[in-house]
Amino acid sequence: MIEVWAGAGRYRGGEADAGVESWHAFSFGVHYDPDNVGFGLLMACNEELLAPGAGFDEHPHSDTEIVTWVLDGTLEHRDDHGTAALLGAGDLQRLSAGGGVRHTERNAGTRPLRFLQMWLRPDSTGGPPEYTAVTAPVPQGPGLRLLASGAPDDCPAVRLRQPAAALYASRPDGPDACGLPAAAYRYVHVVRGSVHLDHPDGEALLCPGDAARITGQAAVEARTDGPAEYLVWAMNPLL
């Protein structure tokens, strides 16, 4: 089965007066919908827009895999374990909160910062936090590239503390077509351009901000008519 969730229907959050705007795909904070608390192993998929100098003050996390894909601008990360990093458009970071970590995120640039942040359930709780950042792991071009995974046989740019999940990205610079990885749960989020999904139930068209939630192992092909950018989670959780 395939369900399309329009970007316009996401929950609005953030503090516009503080230069922070947020769009939440699932229940988050004060926005609670018992029928939309996650999908597969995903607990959050938030698109954030921060004005120059704006950001999130120090706050805690635990037992969560936090994966961030920078879309535009410059993101600064700092945490209470001494990690400091600057990421630009096309960069990826993973913060594995483990038993507990405190961190800040802010726009360290002079123009708006936009990023997509996704929270994933780990396969175990506790343990020390971990941080990884990679620069431009997905050049423009056809096909899907593996970004992050916890599967022992995979060789991703970023390793997750969850063997039942993998994250892929595609940045075609023209018309392209590729099959989505097989999985019990697949989540497709479009960042730029438009993506056609060919599924046995029919064709779905996704535009920027839209997402598709796919259950079942049916073959699905993603097609683009021109330049685009989209992310794909493939998950096989024991729910």
C-alpha atoms as a PDB file:
ATOM      1  CA  MET A   1       0.000   0.000   0.000  1.00  0.00           C
ATOM      2  CA  ILE A   2       1.144   3.537  -0.723  1.00  0.00           C
ATOM      3  CA  GLU A   3      -0.102   6.682   1.008  1.00  0.00           C
ATOM      4  CA  VAL A   4       0.872  10.210  -0.038  1.00  0.00           C
ATOM      5  CA  TRP A   5       1.095  12.837   2.696  1.00  0.00           C
ATOM      6  CA  ALA A   6       1.113  16.362   1.265  1.00  0.00           C
ATOM      7  CA  GLY A   7       3.687  18.782   2.588  1.00  0.00           C
ATOM      8  CA  ALA A   8       0.992  21.391   3.118  1.00  0.00           C
ATOM      9  CA  GLY A   9      -0.606  19.117   5.729  1.00  0.00           C
ATOM     10  CA  ARG A  10       2.418  18.913   8.022  1.00  0.00           C
ATOM     11  CA  TYR A  11       2.204  20.297  11.565  1.00  0.00           C
ATOM     12  CA  ARG A  12       3.572  23.843  11.861  1.00  0.00           C
ATOM     13  CA  GLY A  13       5.916  24.528  14.754  1.00  0.00           C
ATOM     14  CA  GLY A  14       8.863  26.644  15.802  1.00  0.00           C
ATOM     15  CA  GLU A  15       8.905  30.285  16.870  1.00  0.00           C
ATOM     16  CA  ALA A  16       8.635  32.654  13.931  1.00  0.00           C
ATOM     17  CA  ASP A  17       9.498  35.655  16.128  1.00  0.00           C
ATOM     18  CA  ALA A  18      12.773  33.901  17.057  1.00  0.00           C
ATOM     19  CA  GLY A  19      13.589  33.078  13.447  1.00  0.00           C
ATOM     20  CA  VAL A  20      12.652  29.390  13.709  1.00  0.00           C
ATOM     21  CA  GLU A  21      10.036  27.743  11.475  1.00  0.00           C
ATOM     22  CA  SER A  22       9.319  24.001  11.592  1.00  0.00           C
ATOM     23  CA  TRP A  23       7.196  21.541   9.633  1.00  0.00           C
ATOM     24  CA  HIS A  24       6.570  18.160  11.320  1.00  0.00           C
ATOM     25  CA  ALA A  25       5.541  15.024   9.422  1.00  0.00           C
ATOM     26  CA  PHE A  26       4.525  13.182  12.633  1.00  0.00           C
ATOM     27  CA  SER A  27       3.178  14.113  16.060  1.00  0.00           C
ATOM     28  CA  PHE A  28       5.758  16.325  17.713  1.00  0.00           C
ATOM     29  CA  GLY A  29       5.768  18.436  20.870  1.00  0.00           C
ATOM     30  CA  VAL A  30       2.339  19.987  21.455  1.00  0.00           C
ATOM     31  CA  HIS A  31       1.103  18.587  18.134  1.00  0.00           C
ATOM     32  CA  TYR A  32      -0.298  15.144  18.944  1.00  0.00           C
ATOM     33  CA  ASP A  33      -2.295  12.928  16.616  1.00  0.00           C
ATOM     34  CA  PRO A  34      -2.692   9.350  17.924  1.00  0.00           C
ATOM     35  CA  ASP A  35      -3.044   8.146  14.325  1.00  0.00           C
ATOM     36  CA  ASN A  36       0.224   9.762  13.216  1.00  0.00           C
ATOM     37  CA  VAL A  37       2.964   9.112  15.760  1.00  0.00           C
ATOM     38  CA  GLY A  38       5.539   7.591  13.402  1.00  0.00           C
ATOM     39  CA  PHE A  39       6.085   5.156  10.566  1.00  0.00           C
ATOM     40  CA  GLY A  40       8.128   1.987  10.818  1.00  0.00           C
ATOM     41  CA  LEU A  41      11.132   2.973  12.932  1.00  0.00           C
ATOM     42  CA  LEU A  42      10.822   6.703  12.186  1.00  0.00           C
ATOM     43  CA  MET A  43       9.684   8.852  15.095  1.00  0.00           C
ATOM     44  CA  ALA A  44      10.170  12.286  13.516  1.00  0.00           C
ATOM     45  CA  CYS A  45      10.834  13.923  10.172  1.00  0.00           C
ATOM     46  CA  ASN A  46      11.120  17.675  10.642  1.00  0.00           C
ATOM     47  CA  GLU A  47      11.976  20.335   8.086  1.00  0.00           C
ATOM     48  CA  GLU A  48      13.563  23.321   9.819  1.00  0.00           C
ATOM     49  CA  LEU A  49      14.112  26.857   8.518  1.00  0.00           C
ATOM     50  CA  LEU A  50      16.365  29.073  10.674  1.00  0.00           C
ATOM     51  CA  ALA A  51      17.154  32.741  10.139  1.00  0.00           C
ATOM     52  CA  PRO A  52      20.817  33.810  10.437  1.00  0.00           C
ATOM     53  CA  GLY A  53      21.903  33.487  14.086  1.00  0.00           C
ATOM     54  CA  ALA A  54      18.727  31.643  15.107  1.00  0.00           C
ATOM     55  CA  GLY A  55      18.672  28.128  16.476  1.00  0.00           C
ATOM     56  CA  PHE A  56      17.769  25.682  19.209  1.00  0.00           C
ATOM     57  CA  ASP A  57      19.226  26.277  22.677  1.00  0.00           C
ATOM     58  CA  GLU A  58      20.890  23.426  24.544  1.00  0.00           C
ATOM     59  CA  HIS A  59      18.454  20.548  25.051  1.00  0.00           C
ATOM     60  CA  PRO A  60      18.715  16.831  25.903  1.00  0.00           C
ATOM     61  CA  HIS A  61      18.169  13.641  23.928  1.00  0.00           C
ATOM     62  CA  SER A  62      18.439   9.970  24.826  1.00  0.00           C
ATOM     63  CA  ASP A  63      17.977   6.628  23.063  1.00  0.00           C
ATOM     64  CA  THR A  64      17.398   8.207  19.636  1.00  0.00           C
ATOM     65  CA  GLU A  65      19.279   8.135  16.323  1.00  0.00           C
ATOM     66  CA  ILE A  66      19.140  11.708  14.981  1.00  0.00           C
ATOM     67  CA  VAL A  67      20.040  12.053  11.294  1.00  0.00           C
ATOM     68  CA  THR A  68      20.258  15.517   9.720  1.00  0.00           C
ATOM     69  CA  TRP A  69      20.504  16.358   6.006  1.00  0.00           C
ATOM     70  CA  VAL A  70      21.439  19.996   5.284  1.00  0.00           C
ATOM     71  CA  LEU A  71      19.545  21.499   2.356  1.00  0.00           C
ATOM     72  CA  ASP A  72      20.737  25.139   2.311  1.00  0.00           C
ATOM     73  CA  GLY A  73      22.984  27.307   4.470  1.00  0.00           C
ATOM     74  CA  THR A  74      25.372  26.503   7.318  1.00  0.00           C
ATOM     75  CA  LEU A  75      24.455  24.406  10.381  1.00  0.00           C
ATOM     76  CA  GLU A  76      26.521  24.548  13.569  1.00  0.00           C
ATOM     77  CA  HIS A  77      26.328  21.611  15.995  1.00  0.00           C
ATOM     78  CA  ARG A  78      27.788  21.638  19.530  1.00  0.00           C
ATOM     79  CA  ASP A  79      27.263  19.102  22.315  1.00  0.00           C
ATOM     80  CA  ASP A  80      28.267  18.513  25.921  1.00  0.00           C
ATOM     81  CA  HIS A  81      30.801  15.861  24.897  1.00  0.00           C
ATOM     82  CA  GLY A  82      33.022  18.450  23.232  1.00  0.00           C
ATOM     83  CA  THR A  83      31.905  17.985  19.638  1.00  0.00           C
ATOM     84  CA  ALA A  84      31.668  21.067  17.420  1.00  0.00           C
ATOM     85  CA  ALA A  85      30.968  20.914  13.686  1.00  0.00           C
ATOM     86  CA  LEU A  86      29.886  23.096  10.766  1.00  0.00           C
ATOM     87  CA  LEU A  87      27.888  21.524   7.943  1.00  0.00           C
ATOM     88  CA  GLY A  88      26.899  22.931   4.577  1.00  0.00           C
ATOM     89  CA  ALA A  89      24.332  22.038   1.937  1.00  0.00           C
ATOM     90  CA  GLY A  90      24.538  18.371   0.986  1.00  0.00           C
ATOM     91  CA  ASP A  91      26.286  17.347   4.223  1.00  0.00           C
ATOM     92  CA  LEU A  92      24.961  14.701   6.609  1.00  0.00           C
ATOM     93  CA  GLN A  93      25.303  14.266  10.369  1.00  0.00           C
ATOM     94  CA  ARG A  94      24.233  11.548  12.764  1.00  0.00           C
ATOM     95  CA  LEU A  95      23.944  12.027  16.509  1.00  0.00           C
ATOM     96  CA  SER A  96      23.340   8.781  18.367  1.00  0.00           C
ATOM     97  CA  ALA A  97      22.063  10.006  21.723  1.00  0.00           C
ATOM     98  CA  GLY A  98      22.749   6.765  23.613  1.00  0.00           C
ATOM     99  CA  GLY A  99      22.202   7.121  27.346  1.00  0.00           C
ATOM    100  CA  GLY A 100      22.067  10.909  27.100  1.00  0.00           C
ATOM    101  CA  VAL A 101      23.518  13.946  25.336  1.00  0.00           C
ATOM    102  CA  ARG A 102      22.848  17.685  25.324  1.00  0.00           C
ATOM    103  CA  HIS A 103      23.384  19.750  22.193  1.00  0.00           C
ATOM    104  CA  THR A 104      22.676  23.015  20.388  1.00  0.00           C
ATOM    105  CA  GLU A 105      21.967  23.690  16.731  1.00  0.00           C
ATOM    106  CA  ARG A 106      22.019  27.090  15.078  1.00  0.00           C
ATOM    107  CA  ASN A 107      22.396  28.924  11.808  1.00  0.00           C
ATOM    108  CA  ALA A 108      26.046  29.965  11.704  1.00  0.00           C
ATOM    109  CA  GLY A 109      25.764  31.592   8.272  1.00  0.00           C
ATOM    110  CA  THR A 110      24.530  34.840   6.804  1.00  0.00           C
ATOM    111  CA  ARG A 111      21.593  33.418   4.869  1.00  0.00           C
ATOM    112  CA  PRO A 112      18.651  31.166   5.811  1.00  0.00           C
ATOM    113  CA  LEU A 113      19.469  27.626   6.925  1.00  0.00           C
ATOM    114  CA  ARG A 114      17.193  24.782   5.877  1.00  0.00           C
ATOM    115  CA  PHE A 115      17.634  21.191   6.965  1.00  0.00           C
ATOM    116  CA  LEU A 116      15.715  17.955   7.310  1.00  0.00           C
ATOM    117  CA  GLN A 117      16.055  16.143  10.628  1.00  0.00           C
ATOM    118  CA  MET A 118      14.882  12.571  11.146  1.00  0.00           C
ATOM    119  CA  TRP A 119      14.630  10.629  14.417  1.00  0.00           C
ATOM    120  CA  LEU A 120      14.923   6.858  14.438  1.00  0.00           C
ATOM    121  CA  ARG A 121      14.448   4.255  17.159  1.00  0.00           C
ATOM    122  CA  PRO A 122      17.758   2.470  17.953  1.00  0.00           C
ATOM    123  CA  ASP A 123      17.963  -1.285  18.440  1.00  0.00           C
ATOM    124  CA  SER A 124      19.133  -0.920  22.041  1.00  0.00           C
ATOM    125  CA  THR A 125      19.047   1.681  24.794  1.00  0.00           C
ATOM    126  CA  GLY A 126      21.831   3.297  26.790  1.00  0.00           C
ATOM    127  CA  GLY A 127      25.491   3.355  25.892  1.00  0.00           C
ATOM    128  CA  PRO A 128      27.734   6.322  25.107  1.00  0.00           C
ATOM    129  CA  PRO A 129      26.580   8.933  22.596  1.00  0.00           C
ATOM    130  CA  GLU A 130      28.245   8.996  19.154  1.00  0.00           C
ATOM    131  CA  TYR A 131      28.607  11.719  16.524  1.00  0.00           C
ATOM    132  CA  THR A 132      29.478  11.429  12.832  1.00  0.00           C
ATOM    133  CA  ALA A 133      29.478  14.019  10.038  1.00  0.00           C
ATOM    134  CA  VAL A 134      30.233  13.515   6.354  1.00  0.00           C
ATOM    135  CA  THR A 135      30.752  16.117   3.651  1.00  0.00           C
ATOM    136  CA  ALA A 136      28.809  15.898   0.372  1.00  0.00           C
ATOM    137  CA  PRO A 137      28.283  12.108   0.352  1.00  0.00           C
ATOM    138  CA  VAL A 138      25.863  12.261  -2.606  1.00  0.00           C
ATOM    139  CA  PRO A 139      27.068  14.047  -5.763  1.00  0.00           C
ATOM    140  CA  GLN A 140      24.519  15.019  -8.366  1.00  0.00           C
ATOM    141  CA  GLY A 141      23.779  12.168 -10.733  1.00  0.00           C
ATOM    142  CA  PRO A 142      21.430   9.259 -11.396  1.00  0.00           C
ATOM    143  CA  GLY A 143      20.328   6.511  -9.037  1.00  0.00           C
ATOM    144  CA  LEU A 144      20.087   6.053  -5.280  1.00  0.00           C
ATOM    145  CA  ARG A 145      23.102   6.146  -2.966  1.00  0.00           C
ATOM    146  CA  LEU A 146      23.291   4.555   0.473  1.00  0.00           C
ATOM    147  CA  LEU A 147      23.802   7.235   3.134  1.00  0.00           C
ATOM    148  CA  ALA A 148      23.278   5.521   6.475  1.00  0.00           C
ATOM    149  CA  SER A 149      22.631   1.974   7.649  1.00  0.00           C
ATOM    150  CA  GLY A 150      23.027  -0.325  10.616  1.00  0.00           C
ATOM    151  CA  ALA A 151      23.069  -3.549   8.614  1.00  0.00           C
ATOM    152  CA  PRO A 152      26.372  -5.373   9.261  1.00  0.00           C
ATOM    153  CA  ASP A 153      26.921  -6.168   5.552  1.00  0.00           C
ATOM    154  CA  ASP A 154      26.380  -2.581   4.336  1.00  0.00           C
ATOM    155  CA  CYS A 155      29.161  -0.022   3.835  1.00  0.00           C
ATOM    156  CA  PRO A 156      27.388   3.306   4.408  1.00  0.00           C
ATOM    157  CA  ALA A 157      28.832   6.784   4.832  1.00  0.00           C
ATOM    158  CA  VAL A 158      27.245   6.795   8.317  1.00  0.00           C
ATOM    159  CA  ARG A 159      26.571   3.748  10.491  1.00  0.00           C
ATOM    160  CA  LEU A 160      23.358   3.628  12.514  1.00  0.00           C
ATOM    161  CA  ARG A 161      22.681   1.924  15.813  1.00  0.00           C
ATOM    162  CA  GLN A 162      19.765   0.171  14.109  1.00  0.00           C
ATOM    163  CA  PRO A 163      20.405  -2.813  11.783  1.00  0.00           C
ATOM    164  CA  ALA A 164      16.808  -2.811  10.502  1.00  0.00           C
ATOM    165  CA  ALA A 165      16.989   0.611   8.815  1.00  0.00           C
ATOM    166  CA  ALA A 166      18.837   2.236   5.922  1.00  0.00           C
ATOM    167  CA  LEU A 167      18.702   5.732   4.450  1.00  0.00           C
ATOM    168  CA  TYR A 168      19.268   6.458   0.755  1.00  0.00           C
ATOM    169  CA  ALA A 169      19.438   9.719  -1.197  1.00  0.00           C
ATOM    170  CA  SER A 170      19.082  10.635  -4.841  1.00  0.00           C
ATOM    171  CA  ARG A 171      20.088  13.900  -6.538  1.00  0.00           C
ATOM    172  CA  PRO A 172      19.491  13.367 -10.265  1.00  0.00           C
ATOM    173  CA  ASP A 173      20.475  16.272 -12.488  1.00  0.00           C
ATOM    174  CA  GLY A 174      18.022  15.240 -15.212  1.00  0.00           C
ATOM    175  CA  PRO A 175      15.465  12.561 -16.062  1.00  0.00           C
ATOM    176  CA  ASP A 176      16.105   9.390 -14.068  1.00  0.00           C
ATOM    177  CA  ALA A 177      14.456   6.135 -13.000  1.00  0.00           C
ATOM    178  CA  CYS A 178      15.465   3.656 -10.309  1.00  0.00           C
ATOM    179  CA  GLY A 179      13.863   0.973  -8.169  1.00  0.00           C
ATOM    180  CA  LEU A 180      13.398   1.596  -4.466  1.00  0.00           C
ATOM    181  CA  PRO A 181      15.103  -0.849  -2.073  1.00  0.00           C
ATOM    182  CA  ALA A 182      12.856  -3.684  -0.960  1.00  0.00           C
ATOM    183  CA  ALA A 183      11.605  -3.328   2.625  1.00  0.00           C
ATOM    184  CA  ALA A 184       8.496  -3.811   4.723  1.00  0.00           C
ATOM    185  CA  TYR A 185       8.298  -0.047   5.337  1.00  0.00           C
ATOM    186  CA  ARG A 186       9.575   2.630   2.942  1.00  0.00           C
ATOM    187  CA  TYR A 187       9.374   6.364   3.503  1.00  0.00           C
ATOM    188  CA  VAL A 188      10.088   8.731   0.597  1.00  0.00           C
ATOM    189  CA  HIS A 189      10.541  12.473   1.224  1.00  0.00           C
ATOM    190  CA  VAL A 190      11.002  14.936  -1.639  1.00  0.00           C
ATOM    191  CA  VAL A 191      13.219  17.960  -1.085  1.00  0.00           C
ATOM    192  CA  ARG A 192      13.476  19.457  -4.567  1.00  0.00           C
ATOM    193  CA  GLY A 193      11.824  18.834  -7.923  1.00  0.00           C
ATOM    194  CA  SER A 194       9.123  16.224  -8.384  1.00  0.00           C
ATOM    195  CA  VAL A 195       9.181  12.438  -8.144  1.00  0.00           C
ATOM    196  CA  HIS A 196       6.783   9.918  -9.702  1.00  0.00           C
ATOM    197  CA  LEU A 197       6.374   6.641  -7.815  1.00  0.00           C
ATOM    198  CA  ASP A 198       5.122   3.678  -9.845  1.00  0.00           C
ATOM    199  CA  HIS A 199       3.437   1.190  -7.489  1.00  0.00           C
ATOM    200  CA  PRO A 200       1.072  -1.727  -8.208  1.00  0.00           C
ATOM    201  CA  ASP A 201      -1.671   0.402  -6.574  1.00  0.00           C
ATOM    202  CA  GLY A 202      -1.044   3.160  -9.141  1.00  0.00           C
ATOM    203  CA  GLU A 203       1.204   6.160  -9.748  1.00  0.00           C
ATOM    204  CA  ALA A 204       1.842   8.840  -7.127  1.00  0.00           C
ATOM    205  CA  LEU A 205       3.338  12.268  -7.783  1.00  0.00           C
ATOM    206  CA  LEU A 206       5.371  13.870  -4.998  1.00  0.00           C
ATOM    207  CA  CYS A 207       6.370  17.551  -4.949  1.00  0.00           C
ATOM    208  CA  PRO A 208       8.718  19.349  -2.518  1.00  0.00           C
ATOM    209  CA  GLY A 209       7.675  18.684   1.087  1.00  0.00           C
ATOM    210  CA  ASP A 210       5.493  15.711   0.127  1.00  0.00           C
ATOM    211  CA  ALA A 211       6.148  12.212   1.477  1.00  0.00           C
ATOM    212  CA  ALA A 212       5.023   8.697   0.607  1.00  0.00           C
ATOM    213  CA  ARG A 213       4.562   5.941   3.184  1.00  0.00           C
ATOM    214  CA  ILE A 214       4.786   2.532   1.550  1.00  0.00           C
ATOM    215  CA  THR A 215       4.015  -0.749   3.313  1.00  0.00           C
ATOM    216  CA  GLY A 216       4.649  -4.152   1.814  1.00  0.00           C
ATOM    217  CA  GLN A 217       7.376  -5.555  -0.395  1.00  0.00           C
ATOM    218  CA  ALA A 218       5.875  -4.638  -3.794  1.00  0.00           C
ATOM    219  CA  ALA A 219       8.321  -3.315  -6.380  1.00  0.00           C
ATOM    220  CA  VAL A 220       8.291   0.494  -6.606  1.00  0.00           C
ATOM    221  CA  GLU A 221      10.089   2.629  -9.194  1.00  0.00           C
ATOM    222  CA  ALA A 222      10.958   6.297  -8.649  1.00  0.00           C
ATOM    223  CA  ARG A 223      11.081   8.512 -11.746  1.00  0.00           C
ATOM    224  CA  THR A 224      12.074  12.134 -12.211  1.00  0.00           C
ATOM    225  CA  ASP A 225      11.535  14.345 -15.268  1.00  0.00           C
ATOM    226  CA  GLY A 226      14.389  16.697 -14.389  1.00  0.00           C
ATOM    227  CA  PRO A 227      16.664  17.741 -11.512  1.00  0.00           C
ATOM    228  CA  ALA A 228      15.385  16.586  -8.121  1.00  0.00           C
ATOM    229  CA  GLU A 229      16.454  15.598  -4.616  1.00  0.00           C
ATOM    230  CA  TYR A 230      14.760  13.040  -2.390  1.00  0.00           C
ATOM    231  CA  LEU A 231      15.470  10.712   0.546  1.00  0.00           C
ATOM    232  CA  VAL A 232      14.308   7.124   1.051  1.00  0.00           C
ATOM    233  CA  TRP A 233      14.159   5.182   4.319  1.00  0.00           C
ATOM    234  CA  ALA A 234      13.969   1.387   3.973  1.00  0.00           C
ATOM    235  CA  MET A 235      12.983  -0.334   7.233  1.00  0.00           C
ATOM    236  CA  ASN A 236      12.290  -3.886   8.338  1.00  0.00           C
ATOM    237  CA  PRO A 237      11.397  -3.475  12.019  1.00  0.00           C
ATOM    238  CA  LEU A 238      10.219  -6.205  14.341  1.00  0.00           C
ATOM    239  CA  LEU A 239       7.120  -4.330  15.474  1.00  0.00           C
END
